[in-house]
Amino acid sequence: MSSDNYEQTRRRFDELETEQQAQFLIEASASALARGIEQMGAVLANGLQDVIRRSHRPSGTPRDPGPGAAEPETAQRQAPQEGGASDT
């Protein structure tokens, strides 16, 4: 909104009676709140869609692919060897 439009709107608001000003402010607040709720709903819907897409991976896609070809296995990823010592 340009400065001229704002000033004109402000002058018109000031010319309203007190009850009309209050009604205008209530309607403007409700409208702003509704827009905010709609925007938040859209953000939440997009987030839920992302979560659902990620949870529906193709069955051939491993969830924990392990180390890559150039990555050594860490102690946490090493498979237990048969006949090795146990942690008990």
PDB file of N, CA and C in Angstrom:
ATOM      1  N   MET A   1       0.869  -1.167   0.000  1.00  0.00           N
ATOM      2  CA  MET A   1       0.000   0.000   0.000  1.00  0.00           C
ATOM      3  C   MET A   1       0.912   1.225   0.000  1.00  0.00           C
ATOM      4  N   SER A   2       0.626   2.150  -0.889  1.00  0.00           N
ATOM      5  CA  SER A   2       1.447   3.360  -0.949  1.00  0.00           C
ATOM      6  C   SER A   2       1.126   4.281   0.230  1.00  0.00           C
ATOM      7  N   SER A   3       2.013   5.211   0.459  1.00  0.00           N
ATOM      8  CA  SER A   3       1.841   6.151   1.570  1.00  0.00           C
ATOM      9  C   SER A   3       0.565   6.975   1.396  1.00  0.00           C
ATOM     10  N   ASP A   4       0.262   7.365   0.149  1.00  0.00           N
ATOM     11  CA  ASP A   4      -0.956   8.149  -0.109  1.00  0.00           C
ATOM     12  C   ASP A   4      -2.207   7.335   0.214  1.00  0.00           C
ATOM     13  N   ASN A   5      -2.228   6.063  -0.207  1.00  0.00           N
ATOM     14  CA  ASN A   5      -3.380   5.205   0.082  1.00  0.00           C
ATOM     15  C   ASN A   5      -3.547   5.015   1.580  1.00  0.00           C
ATOM     16  N   TYR A   6      -2.436   4.820   2.276  1.00  0.00           N
ATOM     17  CA  TYR A   6      -2.501   4.645   3.722  1.00  0.00           C
ATOM     18  C   TYR A   6      -3.078   5.893   4.389  1.00  0.00           C
ATOM     19  N   GLU A   7      -2.567   7.056   4.012  1.00  0.00           N
ATOM     20  CA  GLU A   7      -3.036   8.307   4.618  1.00  0.00           C
ATOM     21  C   GLU A   7      -4.520   8.527   4.343  1.00  0.00           C
ATOM     22  N   GLN A   8      -4.956   8.220   3.126  1.00  0.00           N
ATOM     23  CA  GLN A   8      -6.369   8.382   2.778  1.00  0.00           C
ATOM     24  C   GLN A   8      -7.236   7.425   3.604  1.00  0.00           C
ATOM     25  N   THR A   9      -6.791   6.178   3.724  1.00  0.00           N
ATOM     26  CA  THR A   9      -7.535   5.201   4.518  1.00  0.00           C
ATOM     27  C   THR A   9      -7.572   5.620   5.980  1.00  0.00           C
ATOM     28  N   ARG A  10      -6.452   6.101   6.473  1.00  0.00           N
ATOM     29  CA  ARG A  10      -6.366   6.548   7.869  1.00  0.00           C
ATOM     30  C   ARG A  10      -7.328   7.713   8.136  1.00  0.00           C
ATOM     31  N   ARG A  11      -7.380   8.668   7.210  1.00  0.00           N
ATOM     32  CA  ARG A  11      -8.301   9.805   7.372  1.00  0.00           C
ATOM     33  C   ARG A  11      -9.751   9.330   7.371  1.00  0.00           C
ATOM     34  N   ARG A  12     -10.069   8.406   6.463  1.00  0.00           N
ATOM     35  CA  ARG A  12     -11.443   7.883   6.411  1.00  0.00           C
ATOM     36  C   ARG A  12     -11.794   7.152   7.698  1.00  0.00           C
ATOM     37  N   PHE A  13     -10.839   6.399   8.236  1.00  0.00           N
ATOM     38  CA  PHE A  13     -11.073   5.700   9.501  1.00  0.00           C
ATOM     39  C   PHE A  13     -11.346   6.707  10.611  1.00  0.00           C
ATOM     40  N   ASP A  14     -10.562   7.759  10.667  1.00  0.00           N
ATOM     41  CA  ASP A  14     -10.740   8.785  11.703  1.00  0.00           C
ATOM     42  C   ASP A  14     -12.096   9.475  11.594  1.00  0.00           C
ATOM     43  N   GLU A  15     -12.671   9.527  10.395  1.00  0.00           N
ATOM     44  CA  GLU A  15     -13.969  10.171  10.194  1.00  0.00           C
ATOM     45  C   GLU A  15     -15.136   9.295  10.650  1.00  0.00           C
ATOM     46  N   LEU A  16     -14.884   8.010  10.874  1.00  0.00           N
ATOM     47  CA  LEU A  16     -15.947   7.108  11.318  1.00  0.00           C
ATOM     48  C   LEU A  16     -16.315   7.386  12.766  1.00  0.00           C
ATOM     49  N   GLU A  17     -17.534   7.026  13.123  1.00  0.00           N
ATOM     50  CA  GLU A  17     -17.951   7.119  14.521  1.00  0.00           C
ATOM     51  C   GLU A  17     -17.242   6.012  15.305  1.00  0.00           C
ATOM     52  N   THR A  18     -17.191   6.157  16.603  1.00  0.00           N
ATOM     53  CA  THR A  18     -16.472   5.222  17.458  1.00  0.00           C
ATOM     54  C   THR A  18     -16.962   3.789  17.276  1.00  0.00           C
ATOM     55  N   GLU A  19     -18.272   3.597  17.209  1.00  0.00           N
ATOM     56  CA  GLU A  19     -18.818   2.248  17.026  1.00  0.00           C
ATOM     57  C   GLU A  19     -18.384   1.658  15.689  1.00  0.00           C
ATOM     58  N   GLN A  20     -18.373   2.480  14.636  1.00  0.00           N
ATOM     59  CA  GLN A  20     -17.948   2.007  13.324  1.00  0.00           C
ATOM     60  C   GLN A  20     -16.447   1.673  13.322  1.00  0.00           C
ATOM     61  N   GLN A  21     -15.660   2.474  14.032  1.00  0.00           N
ATOM     62  CA  GLN A  21     -14.226   2.184  14.143  1.00  0.00           C
ATOM     63  C   GLN A  21     -14.012   0.836  14.847  1.00  0.00           C
ATOM     64  N   ALA A  22     -14.744   0.626  15.923  1.00  0.00           N
ATOM     65  CA  ALA A  22     -14.620  -0.634  16.658  1.00  0.00           C
ATOM     66  C   ALA A  22     -15.018  -1.814  15.782  1.00  0.00           C
ATOM     67  N   GLN A  23     -16.124  -1.674  15.047  1.00  0.00           N
ATOM     68  CA  GLN A  23     -16.573  -2.743  14.156  1.00  0.00           C
ATOM     69  C   GLN A  23     -15.524  -3.013  13.083  1.00  0.00           C
ATOM     70  N   PHE A  24     -14.969  -1.948  12.524  1.00  0.00           N
ATOM     71  CA  PHE A  24     -13.935  -2.092  11.492  1.00  0.00           C
ATOM     72  C   PHE A  24     -12.727  -2.842  12.047  1.00  0.00           C
ATOM     73  N   LEU A  25     -12.288  -2.464  13.236  1.00  0.00           N
ATOM     74  CA  LEU A  25     -11.117  -3.103  13.839  1.00  0.00           C
ATOM     75  C   LEU A  25     -11.375  -4.578  14.133  1.00  0.00           C
ATOM     76  N   ILE A  26     -12.572  -4.898  14.600  1.00  0.00           N
ATOM     77  CA  ILE A  26     -12.915  -6.298  14.879  1.00  0.00           C
ATOM     78  C   ILE A  26     -12.921  -7.107  13.586  1.00  0.00           C
ATOM     79  N   GLU A  27     -13.533  -6.560  12.539  1.00  0.00           N
ATOM     80  CA  GLU A  27     -13.582  -7.262  11.255  1.00  0.00           C
ATOM     81  C   GLU A  27     -12.184  -7.426  10.664  1.00  0.00           C
ATOM     82  N   ALA A  28     -11.366  -6.393  10.746  1.00  0.00           N
ATOM     83  CA  ALA A  28     -10.006  -6.474  10.214  1.00  0.00           C
ATOM     84  C   ALA A  28      -9.176  -7.490  10.992  1.00  0.00           C
ATOM     85  N   SER A  29      -9.346  -7.526  12.311  1.00  0.00           N
ATOM     86  CA  SER A  29      -8.618  -8.492  13.141  1.00  0.00           C
ATOM     87  C   SER A  29      -9.043  -9.916  12.806  1.00  0.00           C
ATOM     88  N   ALA A  30     -10.339 -10.131  12.677  1.00  0.00           N
ATOM     89  CA  ALA A  30     -10.842 -11.464  12.343  1.00  0.00           C
ATOM     90  C   ALA A  30     -10.331 -11.902  10.973  1.00  0.00           C
ATOM     91  N   SER A  31     -10.304 -10.991  10.027  1.00  0.00           N
ATOM     92  CA  SER A  31      -9.808 -11.309   8.692  1.00  0.00           C
ATOM     93  C   SER A  31      -8.325 -11.671   8.730  1.00  0.00           C
ATOM     94  N   ALA A  32      -7.536 -10.904   9.467  1.00  0.00           N
ATOM     95  CA  ALA A  32      -6.099 -11.183   9.576  1.00  0.00           C
ATOM     96  C   ALA A  32      -5.867 -12.525  10.276  1.00  0.00           C
ATOM     97  N   LEU A  33      -6.645 -12.809  11.296  1.00  0.00           N
ATOM     98  CA  LEU A  33      -6.525 -14.073  12.007  1.00  0.00           C
ATOM     99  C   LEU A  33      -6.880 -15.243  11.089  1.00  0.00           C
ATOM    100  N   ALA A  34      -7.935 -15.111  10.319  1.00  0.00           N
ATOM    101  CA  ALA A  34      -8.349 -16.169   9.399  1.00  0.00           C
ATOM    102  C   ALA A  34      -7.262 -16.424   8.348  1.00  0.00           C
ATOM    103  N   ARG A  35      -6.664 -15.361   7.811  1.00  0.00           N
ATOM    104  CA  ARG A  35      -5.579 -15.532   6.836  1.00  0.00           C
ATOM    105  C   ARG A  35      -4.390 -16.247   7.471  1.00  0.00           C
ATOM    106  N   GLY A  36      -4.066 -15.894   8.696  1.00  0.00           N
ATOM    107  CA  GLY A  36      -2.959 -16.549   9.393  1.00  0.00           C
ATOM    108  C   GLY A  36      -3.221 -18.027   9.622  1.00  0.00           C
ATOM    109  N   ILE A  37      -4.447 -18.356  10.002  1.00  0.00           N
ATOM    110  CA  ILE A  37      -4.817 -19.758  10.222  1.00  0.00           C
ATOM    111  C   ILE A  37      -4.749 -20.535   8.907  1.00  0.00           C
ATOM    112  N   GLU A  38      -5.220 -19.948   7.821  1.00  0.00           N
ATOM    113  CA  GLU A  38      -5.146 -20.607   6.519  1.00  0.00           C
ATOM    114  C   GLU A  38      -3.701 -20.856   6.113  1.00  0.00           C
ATOM    115  N   GLN A  39      -2.833 -19.876   6.324  1.00  0.00           N
ATOM    116  CA  GLN A  39      -1.427 -20.039   5.972  1.00  0.00           C
ATOM    117  C   GLN A  39      -0.772 -21.124   6.828  1.00  0.00           C
ATOM    118  N   MET A  40      -1.069 -21.141   8.115  1.00  0.00           N
ATOM    119  CA  MET A  40      -0.506 -22.163   8.998  1.00  0.00           C
ATOM    120  C   MET A  40      -1.010 -23.537   8.602  1.00  0.00           C
ATOM    121  N   GLY A  41      -2.279 -23.636   8.236  1.00  0.00           N
ATOM    122  CA  GLY A  41      -2.828 -24.910   7.777  1.00  0.00           C
ATOM    123  C   GLY A  41      -2.121 -25.410   6.533  1.00  0.00           C
ATOM    124  N   ALA A  42      -1.812 -24.507   5.613  1.00  0.00           N
ATOM    125  CA  ALA A  42      -1.103 -24.895   4.395  1.00  0.00           C
ATOM    126  C   ALA A  42       0.304 -25.392   4.724  1.00  0.00           C
ATOM    127  N   VAL A  43       0.984 -24.716   5.647  1.00  0.00           N
ATOM    128  CA  VAL A  43       2.333 -25.138   6.057  1.00  0.00           C
ATOM    129  C   VAL A  43       2.272 -26.524   6.695  1.00  0.00           C
ATOM    130  N   LEU A  44       1.308 -26.745   7.589  1.00  0.00           N
ATOM    131  CA  LEU A  44       1.169 -28.050   8.237  1.00  0.00           C
ATOM    132  C   LEU A  44       0.837 -29.145   7.230  1.00  0.00           C
ATOM    133  N   ALA A  45      -0.044 -28.844   6.288  1.00  0.00           N
ATOM    134  CA  ALA A  45      -0.408 -29.833   5.268  1.00  0.00           C
ATOM    135  C   ALA A  45       0.810 -30.207   4.431  1.00  0.00           C
ATOM    136  N   ASN A  46       1.607 -29.231   4.048  1.00  0.00           N
ATOM    137  CA  ASN A  46       2.813 -29.521   3.268  1.00  0.00           C
ATOM    138  C   ASN A  46       3.786 -30.373   4.070  1.00  0.00           C
ATOM    139  N   GLY A  47       3.939 -30.062   5.348  1.00  0.00           N
ATOM    140  CA  GLY A  47       4.825 -30.842   6.205  1.00  0.00           C
ATOM    141  C   GLY A  47       4.361 -32.280   6.345  1.00  0.00           C
ATOM    142  N   LEU A  48       3.063 -32.473   6.526  1.00  0.00           N
ATOM    143  CA  LEU A  48       2.528 -33.830   6.634  1.00  0.00           C
ATOM    144  C   LEU A  48       2.704 -34.600   5.330  1.00  0.00           C
ATOM    145  N   GLN A  49       2.516 -33.935   4.203  1.00  0.00           N
ATOM    146  CA  GLN A  49       2.721 -34.597   2.917  1.00  0.00           C
ATOM    147  C   GLN A  49       4.168 -35.048   2.764  1.00  0.00           C
ATOM    148  N   ASP A  50       5.111 -34.219   3.192  1.00  0.00           N
ATOM    149  CA  ASP A  50       6.525 -34.597   3.127  1.00  0.00           C
ATOM    150  C   ASP A  50       6.800 -35.824   3.989  1.00  0.00           C
ATOM    151  N   VAL A  51       6.243 -35.850   5.207  1.00  0.00           N
ATOM    152  CA  VAL A  51       6.446 -36.988   6.099  1.00  0.00           C
ATOM    153  C   VAL A  51       5.866 -38.254   5.478  1.00  0.00           C
ATOM    154  N   ILE A  52       4.683 -38.154   4.918  1.00  0.00           N
ATOM    155  CA  ILE A  52       4.036 -39.324   4.314  1.00  0.00           C
ATOM    156  C   ILE A  52       4.841 -39.808   3.117  1.00  0.00           C
ATOM    157  N   ARG A  53       5.329 -38.888   2.284  1.00  0.00           N
ATOM    158  CA  ARG A  53       6.141 -39.290   1.126  1.00  0.00           C
ATOM    159  C   ARG A  53       7.404 -40.019   1.570  1.00  0.00           C
ATOM    160  N   ARG A  54       8.041 -39.517   2.611  1.00  0.00           N
ATOM    161  CA  ARG A  54       9.279 -40.139   3.087  1.00  0.00           C
ATOM    162  C   ARG A  54       9.020 -41.514   3.693  1.00  0.00           C
ATOM    163  N   SER A  55       7.860 -41.702   4.311  1.00  0.00           N
ATOM    164  CA  SER A  55       7.569 -42.989   4.945  1.00  0.00           C
ATOM    165  C   SER A  55       7.152 -44.046   3.931  1.00  0.00           C
ATOM    166  N   HIS A  56       6.798 -43.651   2.734  1.00  0.00           N
ATOM    167  CA  HIS A  56       6.383 -44.597   1.694  1.00  0.00           C
ATOM    168  C   HIS A  56       7.494 -44.795   0.672  1.00  0.00           C
ATOM    169  N   ARG A  57       8.674 -45.132   1.149  1.00  0.00           N
ATOM    170  CA  ARG A  57       9.782 -45.415   0.236  1.00  0.00           C
ATOM    171  C   ARG A  57       9.502 -46.738  -0.484  1.00  0.00           C
ATOM    172  N   PRO A  58      10.058 -46.899  -1.664  1.00  0.00           N
ATOM    173  CA  PRO A  58       9.929 -48.202  -2.341  1.00  0.00           C
ATOM    174  C   PRO A  58      10.559 -49.287  -1.475  1.00  0.00           C
ATOM    175  N   SER A  59      10.008 -50.501  -1.519  1.00  0.00           N
ATOM    176  CA  SER A  59      10.463 -51.572  -0.637  1.00  0.00           C
ATOM    177  C   SER A  59      11.903 -51.973  -0.910  1.00  0.00           C
ATOM    178  N   GLY A  60      12.429 -51.706  -2.081  1.00  0.00           N
ATOM    179  CA  GLY A  60      13.810 -52.059  -2.399  1.00  0.00           C
ATOM    180  C   GLY A  60      14.821 -51.072  -1.849  1.00  0.00           C
ATOM    181  N   THR A  61      14.369 -49.946  -1.328  1.00  0.00           N
ATOM    182  CA  THR A  61      15.277 -48.932  -0.807  1.00  0.00           C
ATOM    183  C   THR A  61      15.633 -49.266   0.628  1.00  0.00           C
ATOM    184  N   PRO A  62      16.926 -49.517   0.917  1.00  0.00           N
ATOM    185  CA  PRO A  62      17.287 -49.838   2.300  1.00  0.00           C
ATOM    186  C   PRO A  62      17.138 -48.625   3.203  1.00  0.00           C
ATOM    187  N   ARG A  63      16.723 -48.855   4.433  1.00  0.00           N
ATOM    188  CA  ARG A  63      16.570 -47.766   5.391  1.00  0.00           C
ATOM    189  C   ARG A  63      17.916 -47.366   5.967  1.00  0.00           C
ATOM    190  N   ASP A  64      18.851 -48.335   6.141  1.00  0.00           N
ATOM    191  CA  ASP A  64      20.181 -48.053   6.651  1.00  0.00           C
ATOM    192  C   ASP A  64      21.163 -48.732   5.703  1.00  0.00           C
ATOM    193  N   PRO A  65      21.580 -48.039   4.664  1.00  0.00           N
ATOM    194  CA  PRO A  65      22.388 -48.678   3.640  1.00  0.00           C
ATOM    195  C   PRO A  65      23.781 -49.070   4.111  1.00  0.00           C
ATOM    196  N   GLY A  66      24.212 -48.637   5.273  1.00  0.00           N
ATOM    197  CA  GLY A  66      25.551 -48.972   5.750  1.00  0.00           C
ATOM    198  C   GLY A  66      26.582 -48.068   5.119  1.00  0.00           C
ATOM    199  N   PRO A  67      27.851 -48.361   5.390  1.00  0.00           N
ATOM    200  CA  PRO A  67      28.891 -47.488   4.854  1.00  0.00           C
ATOM    201  C   PRO A  67      29.015 -47.653   3.344  1.00  0.00           C
ATOM    202  N   GLY A  68      29.453 -46.612   2.695  1.00  0.00           N
ATOM    203  CA  GLY A  68      29.673 -46.664   1.260  1.00  0.00           C
ATOM    204  C   GLY A  68      30.946 -47.438   0.947  1.00  0.00           C
ATOM    205  N   ALA A  69      31.250 -47.580  -0.333  1.00  0.00           N
ATOM    206  CA  ALA A  69      32.393 -48.380  -0.754  1.00  0.00           C
ATOM    207  C   ALA A  69      33.704 -47.855  -0.170  1.00  0.00           C
ATOM    208  N   ALA A  70      33.851 -46.562  -0.016  1.00  0.00           N
ATOM    209  CA  ALA A  70      35.104 -45.988   0.479  1.00  0.00           C
ATOM    210  C   ALA A  70      35.086 -45.757   1.984  1.00  0.00           C
ATOM    211  N   GLU A  71      34.003 -46.124   2.660  1.00  0.00           N
ATOM    212  CA  GLU A  71      33.889 -45.872   4.086  1.00  0.00           C
ATOM    213  C   GLU A  71      34.181 -47.146   4.874  1.00  0.00           C
ATOM    214  N   PRO A  72      35.101 -47.076   5.850  1.00  0.00           N
ATOM    215  CA  PRO A  72      35.331 -48.263   6.683  1.00  0.00           C
ATOM    216  C   PRO A  72      34.168 -48.447   7.645  1.00  0.00           C
ATOM    217  N   GLU A  73      33.916 -49.691   8.028  1.00  0.00           N
ATOM    218  CA  GLU A  73      32.872 -49.945   9.010  1.00  0.00           C
ATOM    219  C   GLU A  73      33.338 -49.451  10.363  1.00  0.00           C
ATOM    220  N   THR A  74      32.449 -48.820  11.095  1.00  0.00           N
ATOM    221  CA  THR A  74      32.773 -48.394  12.450  1.00  0.00           C
ATOM    222  C   THR A  74      32.389 -49.506  13.405  1.00  0.00           C
ATOM    223  N   ALA A  75      32.803 -49.399  14.646  1.00  0.00           N
ATOM    224  CA  ALA A  75      32.490 -50.433  15.632  1.00  0.00           C
ATOM    225  C   ALA A  75      30.983 -50.620  15.767  1.00  0.00           C
ATOM    226  N   GLN A  76      30.224 -49.545  15.621  1.00  0.00           N
ATOM    227  CA  GLN A  76      28.777 -49.645  15.743  1.00  0.00           C
ATOM    228  C   GLN A  76      28.162 -50.403  14.568  1.00  0.00           C
ATOM    229  N   ARG A  77      28.814 -50.395  13.423  1.00  0.00           N
ATOM    230  CA  ARG A  77      28.233 -51.004  12.232  1.00  0.00           C
ATOM    231  C   ARG A  77      28.802 -52.391  11.937  1.00  0.00           C
ATOM    232  N   GLN A  78      29.848 -52.769  12.588  1.00  0.00           N
ATOM    233  CA  GLN A  78      30.461 -54.061  12.302  1.00  0.00           C
ATOM    234  C   GLN A  78      29.556 -55.186  12.743  1.00  0.00           C
ATOM    235  N   ALA A  79      29.411 -56.153  11.882  1.00  0.00           N
ATOM    236  CA  ALA A  79      28.586 -57.312  12.208  1.00  0.00           C
ATOM    237  C   ALA A  79      29.338 -58.182  13.192  1.00  0.00           C
ATOM    238  N   PRO A  80      28.659 -58.740  14.185  1.00  0.00           N
ATOM    239  CA  PRO A  80      29.350 -59.623  15.123  1.00  0.00           C
ATOM    240  C   PRO A  80      29.869 -60.851  14.402  1.00  0.00           C
ATOM    241  N   GLN A  81      31.071 -61.237  14.733  1.00  0.00           N
ATOM    242  CA  GLN A  81      31.673 -62.405  14.103  1.00  0.00           C
ATOM    243  C   GLN A  81      31.377 -63.629  14.943  1.00  0.00           C
ATOM    244  N   GLU A  82      31.163 -64.768  14.281  1.00  0.00           N
ATOM    245  CA  GLU A  82      30.855 -66.000  14.995  1.00  0.00           C
ATOM    246  C   GLU A  82      32.069 -66.430  15.784  1.00  0.00           C
ATOM    247  N   GLY A  83      31.860 -66.898  17.024  1.00  0.00           N
ATOM    248  CA  GLY A  83      32.933 -67.370  17.860  1.00  0.00           C
ATOM    249  C   GLY A  83      33.665 -66.260  18.568  1.00  0.00           C
ATOM    250  N   GLY A  84      33.217 -65.011  18.381  1.00  0.00           N
ATOM    251  CA  GLY A  84      33.877 -63.873  19.035  1.00  0.00           C
ATOM    252  C   GLY A  84      33.413 -63.753  20.463  1.00  0.00           C
ATOM    253  N   ALA A  85      34.046 -62.882  21.204  1.00  0.00           N
ATOM    254  CA  ALA A  85      33.681 -62.664  22.592  1.00  0.00           C
ATOM    255  C   ALA A  85      32.352 -61.949  22.682  1.00  0.00           C
ATOM    256  N   SER A  86      31.567 -62.265  23.688  1.00  0.00           N
ATOM    257  CA  SER A  86      30.274 -61.608  23.858  1.00  0.00           C
ATOM    258  C   SER A  86      30.432 -60.449  24.834  1.00  0.00           C
ATOM    259  N   ASP A  87      29.460 -59.541  24.843  1.00  0.00           N
ATOM    260  CA  ASP A  87      29.496 -58.368  25.690  1.00  0.00           C
ATOM    261  C   ASP A  87      28.822 -58.606  27.034  1.00  0.00           C
ATOM    262  N   THR A  88      28.454 -59.840  27.377  1.00  0.00           N
ATOM    263  CA  THR A  88      27.744 -60.101  28.639  1.00  0.00           C
ATOM    264  C   THR A  88      28.641 -60.204  29.807  1.00  0.00           C
TER     265      THR A  88
END
